[in-house]
């Protein structure tokens, strides 16, 4: 692995934009393997729906739909080069228009959903008592990532002059994946975006040790599992005649037991 453009790289930039991301990636992968191997029963959302359902039904869909839109936007913006979008007819203006307004909608949806979920967790007694210290740390990292990302979007993209992150942050991310890191690309990135990236890096490091592992537990097996057929043994239900071997097991007659 080589660091490109070392003449413009400082020790701090190497720490923040090379060492820290790779450390987070290592912890993310190894942590999930460890967690799955030694804590399978803890690999869960630790659902608190049994304690309170009204606020959960309101906040959870908003948060999950919003964060899914945010994830799709990040994948397109960070990993798909602009030339690829040009080749399929997506102009620069169309991309920024969609990214700004759809991204703003997704950010609002995510933030409102997260606020409802945090309010529920803090005000509903049983839910609050079921909250672990790691849950609280996770909410700080998740909330900070979303908050600074939304602030950067609104301050720079919506109400500001705009910032072309596909010329700095996007190639920096891709350089990490190709093992040719370019930390100098992050030198002049606006502070809001830098803090957003750092919070996101911290979130990835915490991910394997929180309830966020449920992201990798989608019930795909339900799509291919065989049907489960339930049959009643109640005589008053169904029209099929009882088959041999399905006779009801009754307790022994006390009179016969006394005779013995």
Protein backbone atom coordinates (compact mmCIF):
# COMPACT_ATOMS: atom_id res chain seq x y z
CA UNK A 1 0.00 0.00 0.00
CA UNK A 2 1.38 3.39 -0.99
CA UNK A 3 0.29 6.90 -0.08
CA UNK A 4 0.02 9.08 -3.16
CA UNK A 5 1.26 12.67 -3.15
CA UNK A 6 3.34 12.33 0.01
CA UNK A 7 4.83 15.78 -0.50
CA UNK A 8 1.54 17.36 0.64
CA UNK A 9 0.71 14.86 3.38
CA UNK A 10 1.09 15.60 7.10
CA UNK A 11 1.22 13.10 9.97
CA UNK A 12 -2.21 14.25 11.14
CA UNK A 13 -3.74 13.72 7.69
CA UNK A 14 -2.25 10.22 7.54
CA UNK A 15 -3.72 9.46 10.96
CA UNK A 16 -7.20 10.80 10.16
CA UNK A 17 -7.61 9.86 6.51
CA UNK A 18 -5.50 6.69 6.20
CA UNK A 19 -4.81 4.94 9.51
CA UNK A 20 -8.21 5.57 11.11
CA UNK A 21 -10.32 4.38 8.15
CA UNK A 22 -8.28 1.20 7.77
CA UNK A 23 -8.45 0.55 11.52
CA UNK A 24 -12.22 1.05 11.40
CA UNK A 25 -12.51 -1.38 8.47
CA UNK A 26 -10.47 -4.01 10.34
CA UNK A 27 -12.55 -3.64 13.51
CA UNK A 28 -15.76 -3.73 11.45
CA UNK A 29 -14.88 -7.03 9.76
CA UNK A 30 -13.12 -8.81 12.64
CA UNK A 31 -15.70 -7.53 15.15
CA UNK A 32 -18.61 -8.99 13.19
CA UNK A 33 -16.86 -12.36 12.83
CA UNK A 34 -16.12 -12.41 16.57
CA UNK A 35 -19.63 -11.33 17.49
CA UNK A 36 -21.27 -13.96 15.27
CA UNK A 37 -18.99 -16.69 16.58
CA UNK A 38 -19.20 -15.97 20.29
CA UNK A 39 -22.48 -14.07 20.72
CA UNK A 40 -25.02 -15.57 18.32
CA UNK A 41 -27.84 -15.19 20.83
CA UNK A 42 -26.98 -11.52 21.20
CA UNK A 43 -27.09 -10.95 17.43
CA UNK A 44 -30.41 -9.17 17.54
CA UNK A 45 -32.10 -5.78 17.55
CA UNK A 46 -33.06 -6.35 21.18
CA UNK A 47 -36.53 -5.22 20.21
CA UNK A 48 -38.50 -3.24 22.78
CA UNK A 49 -41.80 -3.39 20.93
CA UNK A 50 -43.38 -5.35 23.76
CA UNK A 51 -42.92 -2.31 26.06
CA UNK A 52 -44.35 0.37 23.74
CA UNK A 53 -45.72 0.24 20.22
CA UNK A 54 -47.33 3.57 19.28
CA UNK A 55 -44.19 5.71 19.01
CA UNK A 56 -42.22 2.79 17.58
CA UNK A 57 -44.72 2.37 14.73
CA UNK A 58 -44.31 6.05 13.92
CA UNK A 59 -40.57 6.56 14.29
CA UNK A 60 -39.14 3.24 13.10
CA UNK A 61 -40.49 3.31 9.50
CA UNK A 62 -39.47 6.97 9.09
CA UNK A 63 -35.94 6.27 10.30
CA UNK A 64 -35.43 3.09 8.29
CA UNK A 65 -36.83 4.48 5.04
CA UNK A 66 -34.82 7.66 5.45
CA UNK A 67 -31.55 5.87 6.27
CA UNK A 68 -32.05 3.55 3.29
CA UNK A 69 -32.38 6.55 0.97
CA UNK A 70 -29.30 8.10 2.58
CA UNK A 71 -27.34 4.88 2.04
CA UNK A 72 -28.33 4.69 -1.63
CA UNK A 73 -27.30 8.32 -2.10
CA UNK A 74 -23.91 7.70 -0.50
CA UNK A 75 -23.26 4.64 -2.65
CA UNK A 76 -24.04 6.57 -5.84
CA UNK A 77 -22.14 9.69 -4.79
CA UNK A 78 -19.04 8.00 -3.41
CA UNK A 79 -18.54 4.91 -5.53
CA UNK A 80 -19.87 5.75 -8.99
CA UNK A 81 -17.55 8.09 -10.93
CA UNK A 82 -19.23 11.04 -12.60
CA UNK A 83 -18.13 9.84 -16.06
CA UNK A 84 -20.21 6.70 -15.59
CA UNK A 85 -23.27 8.81 -14.86
CA UNK A 86 -22.54 11.02 -17.87
CA UNK A 87 -22.45 7.91 -20.06
CA UNK A 88 -26.03 7.01 -19.12
CA UNK A 89 -27.29 10.56 -19.60
CA UNK A 90 -27.21 11.93 -16.05
CA UNK A 91 -25.85 15.47 -16.34
CA UNK A 92 -24.04 17.35 -13.59
CA UNK A 93 -27.04 19.62 -13.02
CA UNK A 94 -29.49 16.71 -12.85
CA UNK A 95 -27.27 14.82 -10.41
CA UNK A 96 -26.83 17.75 -8.03
CA UNK A 97 -30.52 18.61 -8.22
CA UNK A 98 -31.52 15.06 -7.31
CA UNK A 99 -28.79 14.63 -4.71
CA UNK A 100 -29.61 17.91 -2.98
CA UNK A 101 -33.39 17.66 -2.79
CA UNK A 102 -33.80 13.91 -2.45
CA UNK A 103 -30.92 13.93 0.03
CA UNK A 104 -32.58 16.73 2.00
CA UNK A 105 -35.86 14.82 2.13
CA UNK A 106 -34.04 11.67 3.26
CA UNK A 107 -32.13 13.62 5.91
CA UNK A 108 -35.31 15.18 7.34
CA UNK A 109 -37.08 11.80 7.38
CA UNK A 110 -34.13 10.14 9.11
CA UNK A 111 -33.66 12.90 11.69
CA UNK A 112 -37.35 13.08 12.62
CA UNK A 113 -37.53 9.28 12.92
CA UNK A 114 -34.39 9.19 15.06
CA UNK A 115 -35.69 11.96 17.34
CA UNK A 116 -38.92 10.02 17.89
CA UNK A 117 -36.99 6.84 18.69
CA UNK A 118 -34.66 8.62 21.11
CA UNK A 119 -37.61 10.41 22.76
CA UNK A 120 -39.36 7.06 23.15
CA UNK A 121 -36.27 5.44 24.62
CA UNK A 122 -35.83 8.27 27.11
CA UNK A 123 -39.44 8.77 28.22
CA UNK A 124 -40.87 5.24 28.25
CA UNK A 125 -39.74 3.69 31.53
CA UNK A 126 -39.33 0.02 30.53
CA UNK A 127 -37.60 0.98 27.28
CA UNK A 128 -35.21 3.27 29.13
CA UNK A 129 -34.39 0.55 31.65
CA UNK A 130 -33.63 -1.85 28.77
CA UNK A 131 -31.16 0.63 27.26
CA UNK A 132 -27.53 -0.45 27.66
CA UNK A 133 -24.49 1.87 27.86
CA UNK A 134 -23.47 0.63 24.40
CA UNK A 135 -26.88 1.70 23.07
CA UNK A 136 -26.22 5.23 24.32
CA UNK A 137 -22.76 5.34 22.71
CA UNK A 138 -24.26 4.04 19.47
CA UNK A 139 -26.95 6.74 19.47
CA UNK A 140 -24.28 9.43 19.95
CA UNK A 141 -22.20 8.14 17.03
CA UNK A 142 -25.24 7.59 14.81
CA UNK A 143 -26.81 10.93 15.71
CA UNK A 144 -23.54 12.79 15.18
CA UNK A 145 -23.02 11.19 11.77
CA UNK A 146 -26.53 12.08 10.63
CA UNK A 147 -26.52 15.56 12.17
CA UNK A 148 -23.22 16.72 10.64
CA UNK A 149 -24.09 15.15 7.30
CA UNK A 150 -27.42 16.96 7.26
CA UNK A 151 -25.77 20.22 8.39
CA UNK A 152 -23.23 19.97 5.57
CA UNK A 153 -26.00 19.34 3.06
CA UNK A 154 -28.21 22.23 4.17
CA UNK A 155 -25.45 24.78 4.88
CA UNK A 156 -23.33 24.12 1.80
CA UNK A 157 -25.57 22.49 -0.77
CA UNK A 158 -29.04 23.94 -0.16
CA UNK A 159 -28.38 27.39 1.30
CA UNK A 160 -24.72 27.79 0.35
CA UNK A 161 -22.80 28.02 -2.89
CA UNK A 162 -22.44 24.24 -3.11
CA UNK A 163 -19.46 21.95 -2.75
CA UNK A 164 -18.20 19.45 -5.32
CA UNK A 165 -17.44 16.48 -3.07
CA UNK A 166 -17.18 14.14 -6.04
CA UNK A 167 -13.83 15.71 -6.79
CA UNK A 168 -12.41 15.21 -3.29
CA UNK A 169 -14.27 12.94 -0.87
CA UNK A 170 -15.43 10.44 -3.49
CA UNK A 171 -11.98 9.76 -5.02
CA UNK A 172 -10.51 9.65 -1.51
CA UNK A 173 -12.96 6.88 -0.54
CA UNK A 174 -12.23 4.95 -3.73
CA UNK A 175 -8.48 5.33 -3.15
CA UNK A 176 -8.85 3.54 0.18
CA UNK A 177 -10.51 0.58 -1.52
CA UNK A 178 -7.75 0.35 -4.13
CA UNK A 179 -5.08 0.49 -1.37
CA UNK A 180 -3.68 3.69 -2.87
CA UNK A 181 -4.86 6.19 -0.23
CA UNK A 182 -4.80 9.88 -1.10
CA UNK A 183 -5.22 11.79 2.19
CA UNK A 184 -4.27 15.06 0.50
CA UNK A 185 -7.71 15.06 -1.14
CA UNK A 186 -9.28 15.70 2.27
CA UNK A 187 -7.05 18.68 3.12
CA UNK A 188 -9.39 21.39 1.82
CA UNK A 189 -12.70 19.62 2.44
CA UNK A 190 -15.12 21.82 4.47
CA UNK A 191 -15.06 21.15 8.20
CA UNK A 192 -18.68 19.94 8.32
CA UNK A 193 -17.93 17.21 5.81
CA UNK A 194 -14.73 16.24 7.64
CA UNK A 195 -16.55 15.87 10.96
CA UNK A 196 -19.30 13.92 9.21
CA UNK A 197 -16.68 11.50 7.85
CA UNK A 198 -14.99 11.12 11.25
CA UNK A 199 -18.28 10.39 13.01
CA UNK A 200 -19.11 7.86 10.30
CA UNK A 201 -15.72 6.19 10.81
CA UNK A 202 -16.35 5.95 14.56
CA UNK A 203 -19.79 4.48 13.86
CA UNK A 204 -18.24 1.72 11.74
CA UNK A 205 -15.84 0.88 14.57
CA UNK A 206 -18.71 0.61 17.06
CA UNK A 207 -21.05 -1.23 14.69
CA UNK A 208 -20.15 -4.88 15.52
CA UNK A 209 -20.66 -4.31 19.25
CA UNK A 210 -24.13 -2.75 19.08
CA UNK A 211 -27.64 -3.68 17.99
CA UNK A 212 -26.74 -2.42 14.49
CA UNK A 213 -25.60 -5.95 13.64
CA UNK A 214 -29.23 -6.74 12.84
CA UNK A 215 -28.64 -5.05 9.47
CA UNK A 216 -26.91 -8.27 8.40
CA UNK A 217 -29.71 -10.51 9.65
CA UNK A 218 -32.33 -9.96 6.98
CA UNK A 219 -34.79 -12.91 7.02
CA UNK A 220 -33.95 -14.01 3.47
CA UNK A 221 -34.69 -17.62 4.40
CA UNK A 222 -38.37 -16.83 4.74
CA UNK A 223 -38.55 -16.41 0.96
CA UNK A 224 -37.57 -20.00 0.22
CA UNK A 225 -38.64 -21.98 3.28
CA UNK A 226 -41.48 -24.52 2.86
CA UNK A 227 -44.96 -23.75 4.02
CA UNK A 228 -45.87 -24.63 7.58
CA UNK A 229 -49.22 -26.42 7.75
CA UNK A 230 -51.12 -26.27 11.02
CA UNK A 231 -53.81 -28.91 11.66
CA UNK A 232 -56.24 -28.87 14.52
CA UNK A 233 -57.09 -31.94 16.60
CA UNK A 234 -60.30 -30.34 17.81
CA UNK A 235 -63.30 -32.46 16.80
CA UNK A 236 -65.36 -29.34 16.14
CA UNK A 237 -62.98 -28.09 13.43
CA UNK A 238 -62.37 -29.39 9.95
CA UNK A 239 -64.25 -32.01 8.01
CA UNK A 240 -61.60 -34.71 7.69
CA UNK A 241 -62.06 -37.90 9.69
CA UNK A 242 -59.53 -38.57 12.37
CA UNK A 243 -56.83 -40.94 11.30
CA UNK A 244 -55.50 -43.77 13.39
CA UNK A 245 -52.78 -42.60 15.70
CA UNK A 246 -54.36 -39.20 16.28
CA UNK A 247 -56.64 -40.32 19.11
CA UNK A 248 -56.70 -38.00 22.06
CA UNK A 249 -54.55 -39.14 24.97
CA UNK A 250 -56.71 -39.10 28.12
CA UNK A 251 -55.60 -39.32 31.75
CA UNK A 252 -56.06 -42.75 33.37
CA UNK A 253 -59.34 -43.53 35.07
CA UNK A 254 -58.92 -43.26 38.91
CA UNK A 255 -61.36 -46.13 39.45
CA UNK A 256 -59.30 -48.49 37.33
CA UNK A 257 -56.14 -47.40 39.12
CA UNK A 258 -57.69 -48.23 42.50
CA UNK A 259 -58.65 -51.69 41.25
CA UNK A 260 -55.04 -52.34 40.37
